[in-house]
């Protein structure tokens, strides 16, 4: 039995133009997570990840740090039931 969960995150800070999306995709792929990441017009990064809860919690640690040139000020997280998420890709994509 698996413990699948979904995690929606808004990343606030200096997180665009520093390879945040690309490294997030790479980390998520390595962890076997499904979902997506995208830039928002307000300078934030938004992501939705689906996977084992323990993996998502580890993934959150990466999101707090980000790549070397990022300055994450805040993570706004929301846990969701997997069935509440629509159109989750099979892998992890940049949108």
N, C-alpha and C. Protein backbone atom coordinates (compact mmCIF):
# COMPACT_ATOMS: atom_id res chain seq x y z
N UNK A 1 0.85 -1.18 0.00
CA UNK A 1 0.00 0.00 0.00
C UNK A 1 0.89 1.24 0.00
N UNK A 2 0.55 2.18 -0.84
CA UNK A 2 1.35 3.40 -0.92
C UNK A 2 0.65 4.53 -0.19
N UNK A 3 1.44 5.52 0.15
CA UNK A 3 0.92 6.69 0.85
C UNK A 3 1.07 7.89 -0.09
N UNK A 4 0.31 7.89 -1.17
CA UNK A 4 0.38 8.96 -2.16
C UNK A 4 -0.27 10.22 -1.62
N UNK A 5 0.41 11.33 -1.86
CA UNK A 5 -0.10 12.64 -1.50
C UNK A 5 0.23 13.60 -2.62
N UNK A 6 -0.35 14.76 -2.55
CA UNK A 6 -0.05 15.83 -3.51
C UNK A 6 0.28 17.08 -2.72
N UNK A 7 1.20 17.85 -3.27
CA UNK A 7 1.67 19.04 -2.59
C UNK A 7 1.69 20.21 -3.57
N UNK A 8 1.00 21.29 -3.21
CA UNK A 8 1.00 22.51 -4.00
C UNK A 8 1.86 23.52 -3.26
N UNK A 9 2.80 24.15 -3.98
CA UNK A 9 3.74 25.07 -3.35
C UNK A 9 3.85 26.35 -4.16
N UNK A 10 3.80 27.48 -3.48
CA UNK A 10 4.17 28.78 -4.05
C UNK A 10 5.50 29.16 -3.41
N UNK A 11 6.48 29.43 -4.25
CA UNK A 11 7.82 29.78 -3.77
C UNK A 11 8.00 31.28 -3.96
N UNK A 12 8.24 31.98 -2.86
CA UNK A 12 8.36 33.43 -2.85
C UNK A 12 9.82 33.81 -2.63
N UNK A 13 10.29 34.79 -3.38
CA UNK A 13 11.65 35.29 -3.22
C UNK A 13 12.26 35.55 -4.58
N UNK A 14 13.58 35.55 -4.62
CA UNK A 14 14.30 35.70 -5.89
C UNK A 14 14.47 34.30 -6.47
N UNK A 15 13.45 33.85 -7.24
CA UNK A 15 13.41 32.47 -7.70
C UNK A 15 13.20 32.33 -9.20
N UNK A 16 13.16 33.44 -9.91
CA UNK A 16 13.07 33.37 -11.37
C UNK A 16 14.39 33.85 -11.95
N UNK A 17 14.81 33.21 -13.05
CA UNK A 17 16.05 33.57 -13.69
C UNK A 17 17.27 32.99 -13.00
N UNK A 18 17.06 32.00 -12.12
CA UNK A 18 18.16 31.38 -11.38
C UNK A 18 18.15 29.85 -11.53
N UNK A 19 17.46 29.36 -12.55
CA UNK A 19 17.35 27.92 -12.85
C UNK A 19 16.54 27.16 -11.80
N UNK A 20 15.65 27.85 -11.11
CA UNK A 20 14.82 27.18 -10.10
C UNK A 20 13.96 26.09 -10.73
N UNK A 21 13.29 26.42 -11.83
CA UNK A 21 12.41 25.43 -12.46
C UNK A 21 13.18 24.22 -12.97
N UNK A 22 14.30 24.46 -13.62
CA UNK A 22 15.08 23.37 -14.20
C UNK A 22 15.63 22.44 -13.12
N UNK A 23 16.15 23.01 -12.05
CA UNK A 23 16.70 22.15 -11.00
C UNK A 23 15.58 21.45 -10.23
N UNK A 24 14.45 22.13 -10.06
CA UNK A 24 13.29 21.50 -9.41
C UNK A 24 12.84 20.29 -10.21
N UNK A 25 12.75 20.46 -11.51
CA UNK A 25 12.36 19.34 -12.38
C UNK A 25 13.34 18.18 -12.26
N UNK A 26 14.61 18.47 -12.25
CA UNK A 26 15.63 17.43 -12.15
C UNK A 26 15.54 16.69 -10.82
N UNK A 27 15.42 17.42 -9.73
CA UNK A 27 15.31 16.81 -8.40
C UNK A 27 14.05 15.95 -8.32
N UNK A 28 12.92 16.50 -8.77
CA UNK A 28 11.66 15.76 -8.73
C UNK A 28 11.75 14.49 -9.56
N UNK A 29 12.35 14.58 -10.73
CA UNK A 29 12.51 13.42 -11.60
C UNK A 29 13.34 12.35 -10.88
N UNK A 30 14.46 12.76 -10.28
CA UNK A 30 15.33 11.82 -9.56
C UNK A 30 14.61 11.15 -8.40
N UNK A 31 13.66 11.86 -7.80
CA UNK A 31 12.91 11.32 -6.66
C UNK A 31 11.69 10.51 -7.10
N UNK A 32 11.42 10.47 -8.40
CA UNK A 32 10.28 9.72 -8.90
C UNK A 32 8.94 10.41 -8.70
N UNK A 33 8.97 11.74 -8.54
CA UNK A 33 7.73 12.50 -8.35
C UNK A 33 7.12 12.86 -9.69
N UNK A 34 5.82 13.02 -9.70
CA UNK A 34 5.10 13.50 -10.87
C UNK A 34 4.63 14.91 -10.59
N UNK A 35 4.42 15.70 -11.67
CA UNK A 35 3.87 17.03 -11.47
C UNK A 35 4.42 18.04 -12.44
N UNK A 36 4.43 19.31 -11.99
CA UNK A 36 4.88 20.41 -12.85
C UNK A 36 5.37 21.57 -12.01
N UNK A 37 6.12 22.45 -12.68
CA UNK A 37 6.61 23.68 -12.07
C UNK A 37 6.50 24.79 -13.12
N UNK A 38 6.16 26.01 -12.67
CA UNK A 38 6.05 27.12 -13.62
C UNK A 38 6.32 28.45 -12.93
N UNK A 39 6.75 29.42 -13.72
CA UNK A 39 6.90 30.80 -13.26
C UNK A 39 5.54 31.48 -13.27
N UNK A 40 5.32 32.36 -12.33
CA UNK A 40 4.11 33.18 -12.29
C UNK A 40 4.49 34.63 -12.62
N UNK A 41 3.54 35.39 -13.16
CA UNK A 41 3.83 36.77 -13.53
C UNK A 41 4.29 37.65 -12.36
N UNK A 42 3.94 37.29 -11.12
CA UNK A 42 4.31 38.10 -9.96
C UNK A 42 5.71 37.79 -9.43
N UNK A 43 6.48 36.95 -10.13
CA UNK A 43 7.84 36.63 -9.72
C UNK A 43 7.97 35.38 -8.87
N UNK A 44 6.85 34.79 -8.51
CA UNK A 44 6.87 33.55 -7.74
C UNK A 44 7.01 32.35 -8.68
N UNK A 45 7.33 31.22 -8.08
CA UNK A 45 7.32 29.94 -8.79
C UNK A 45 6.24 29.09 -8.14
N UNK A 46 5.46 28.41 -8.97
CA UNK A 46 4.39 27.54 -8.49
C UNK A 46 4.71 26.12 -8.90
N UNK A 47 4.43 25.17 -8.02
CA UNK A 47 4.62 23.77 -8.40
C UNK A 47 3.57 22.89 -7.76
N UNK A 48 3.33 21.78 -8.41
CA UNK A 48 2.44 20.75 -7.91
C UNK A 48 3.18 19.44 -8.06
N UNK A 49 3.30 18.71 -6.96
CA UNK A 49 4.03 17.44 -6.98
C UNK A 49 3.17 16.34 -6.38
N UNK A 50 3.28 15.16 -6.96
CA UNK A 50 2.52 14.00 -6.52
C UNK A 50 3.50 12.86 -6.27
N UNK A 51 3.36 12.21 -5.13
CA UNK A 51 4.24 11.09 -4.81
C UNK A 51 4.02 10.61 -3.40
N UNK A 52 4.96 9.80 -2.93
CA UNK A 52 4.92 9.30 -1.55
C UNK A 52 5.10 10.49 -0.60
N UNK A 53 4.36 10.51 0.47
CA UNK A 53 4.43 11.64 1.39
C UNK A 53 5.85 11.86 1.91
N UNK A 54 6.57 10.80 2.23
CA UNK A 54 7.94 10.95 2.73
C UNK A 54 8.84 11.59 1.69
N UNK A 55 8.63 11.26 0.42
CA UNK A 55 9.42 11.87 -0.65
C UNK A 55 9.06 13.34 -0.84
N UNK A 56 7.78 13.65 -0.72
CA UNK A 56 7.36 15.05 -0.85
C UNK A 56 7.93 15.89 0.28
N UNK A 57 8.00 15.33 1.47
CA UNK A 57 8.58 16.08 2.60
C UNK A 57 10.07 16.35 2.35
N UNK A 58 10.78 15.38 1.80
CA UNK A 58 12.19 15.58 1.45
C UNK A 58 12.31 16.61 0.33
N UNK A 59 11.40 16.56 -0.63
CA UNK A 59 11.38 17.50 -1.75
C UNK A 59 11.20 18.94 -1.24
N UNK A 60 10.38 19.11 -0.20
CA UNK A 60 10.16 20.43 0.38
C UNK A 60 11.47 21.04 0.90
N UNK A 61 12.35 20.21 1.42
CA UNK A 61 13.65 20.72 1.89
C UNK A 61 14.42 21.33 0.73
N UNK A 62 14.40 20.64 -0.43
CA UNK A 62 15.05 21.22 -1.61
C UNK A 62 14.38 22.54 -1.99
N UNK A 63 13.06 22.56 -2.01
CA UNK A 63 12.33 23.76 -2.43
C UNK A 63 12.69 24.96 -1.56
N UNK A 64 12.95 24.73 -0.29
CA UNK A 64 13.31 25.82 0.61
C UNK A 64 14.67 26.41 0.25
N UNK A 65 15.58 25.58 -0.22
CA UNK A 65 16.92 26.03 -0.58
C UNK A 65 16.98 26.51 -2.03
N UNK A 66 16.50 25.70 -2.95
CA UNK A 66 16.57 26.01 -4.37
C UNK A 66 18.00 25.93 -4.87
N UNK A 67 18.22 26.34 -6.10
CA UNK A 67 19.57 26.33 -6.67
C UNK A 67 20.44 27.41 -6.02
N UNK A 68 21.74 27.38 -6.27
CA UNK A 68 22.67 28.29 -5.58
C UNK A 68 22.33 29.78 -5.65
N UNK A 69 21.83 30.28 -6.76
CA UNK A 69 21.56 31.72 -6.87
C UNK A 69 20.17 32.14 -6.42
N UNK A 70 19.35 31.20 -5.99
CA UNK A 70 18.00 31.53 -5.51
C UNK A 70 18.05 32.05 -4.08
N UNK A 71 17.09 32.91 -3.77
CA UNK A 71 16.90 33.38 -2.40
C UNK A 71 15.44 33.16 -2.05
N UNK A 72 15.15 32.00 -1.47
CA UNK A 72 13.78 31.66 -1.11
C UNK A 72 13.44 32.37 0.20
N UNK A 73 12.40 33.18 0.16
CA UNK A 73 11.95 33.90 1.34
C UNK A 73 10.85 33.15 2.08
N UNK A 74 10.01 32.46 1.30
CA UNK A 74 8.85 31.81 1.91
C UNK A 74 8.34 30.70 1.00
N UNK A 75 7.87 29.62 1.62
CA UNK A 75 7.13 28.57 0.90
C UNK A 75 5.71 28.59 1.42
N UNK A 76 4.76 28.70 0.52
CA UNK A 76 3.34 28.61 0.89
C UNK A 76 2.87 27.25 0.41
N UNK A 77 2.67 26.33 1.34
CA UNK A 77 2.37 24.95 0.98
C UNK A 77 0.93 24.59 1.32
N UNK A 78 0.43 23.68 0.53
CA UNK A 78 -0.92 23.16 0.75
C UNK A 78 -0.92 21.69 0.34
N UNK A 79 -1.28 20.80 1.26
CA UNK A 79 -1.37 19.37 0.96
C UNK A 79 -2.74 19.09 0.37
N UNK A 80 -2.76 18.27 -0.67
CA UNK A 80 -3.99 17.92 -1.36
C UNK A 80 -4.12 16.40 -1.46
N UNK A 81 -5.33 15.95 -1.64
CA UNK A 81 -5.54 14.54 -1.94
C UNK A 81 -5.23 14.34 -3.43
N UNK A 82 -4.55 13.25 -3.80
CA UNK A 82 -4.21 13.03 -5.20
C UNK A 82 -5.42 13.10 -6.14
N UNK A 83 -6.56 12.64 -5.66
CA UNK A 83 -7.75 12.65 -6.51
C UNK A 83 -8.28 14.06 -6.76
N UNK A 84 -7.81 15.03 -5.98
CA UNK A 84 -8.22 16.42 -6.18
C UNK A 84 -7.38 17.15 -7.23
N UNK A 85 -6.37 16.47 -7.76
CA UNK A 85 -5.47 17.07 -8.74
C UNK A 85 -5.82 16.56 -10.13
N UNK A 86 -5.97 17.49 -11.04
CA UNK A 86 -6.30 17.13 -12.42
C UNK A 86 -5.07 17.31 -13.31
N UNK A 87 -5.02 16.51 -14.35
CA UNK A 87 -4.00 16.64 -15.39
C UNK A 87 -2.56 16.56 -14.87
N UNK A 88 -2.31 15.64 -13.95
CA UNK A 88 -0.94 15.45 -13.47
C UNK A 88 -0.19 14.66 -14.55
N UNK A 89 0.92 15.20 -15.05
CA UNK A 89 1.68 14.48 -16.07
C UNK A 89 2.32 13.21 -15.49
N UNK A 90 2.72 12.32 -16.37
CA UNK A 90 3.36 11.08 -15.93
C UNK A 90 4.73 11.34 -15.33
N UNK A 91 5.41 12.36 -15.81
CA UNK A 91 6.71 12.74 -15.27
C UNK A 91 6.60 14.06 -14.53
N UNK A 92 7.66 14.84 -14.56
CA UNK A 92 7.63 16.16 -13.94
C UNK A 92 8.07 17.16 -15.00
N UNK A 93 7.21 18.12 -15.31
CA UNK A 93 7.47 19.01 -16.43
C UNK A 93 7.53 20.48 -16.04
N UNK A 94 8.21 21.23 -16.88
CA UNK A 94 8.24 22.68 -16.76
C UNK A 94 7.13 23.22 -17.64
N UNK A 95 6.31 24.06 -17.07
CA UNK A 95 5.21 24.66 -17.85
C UNK A 95 5.49 26.11 -18.11
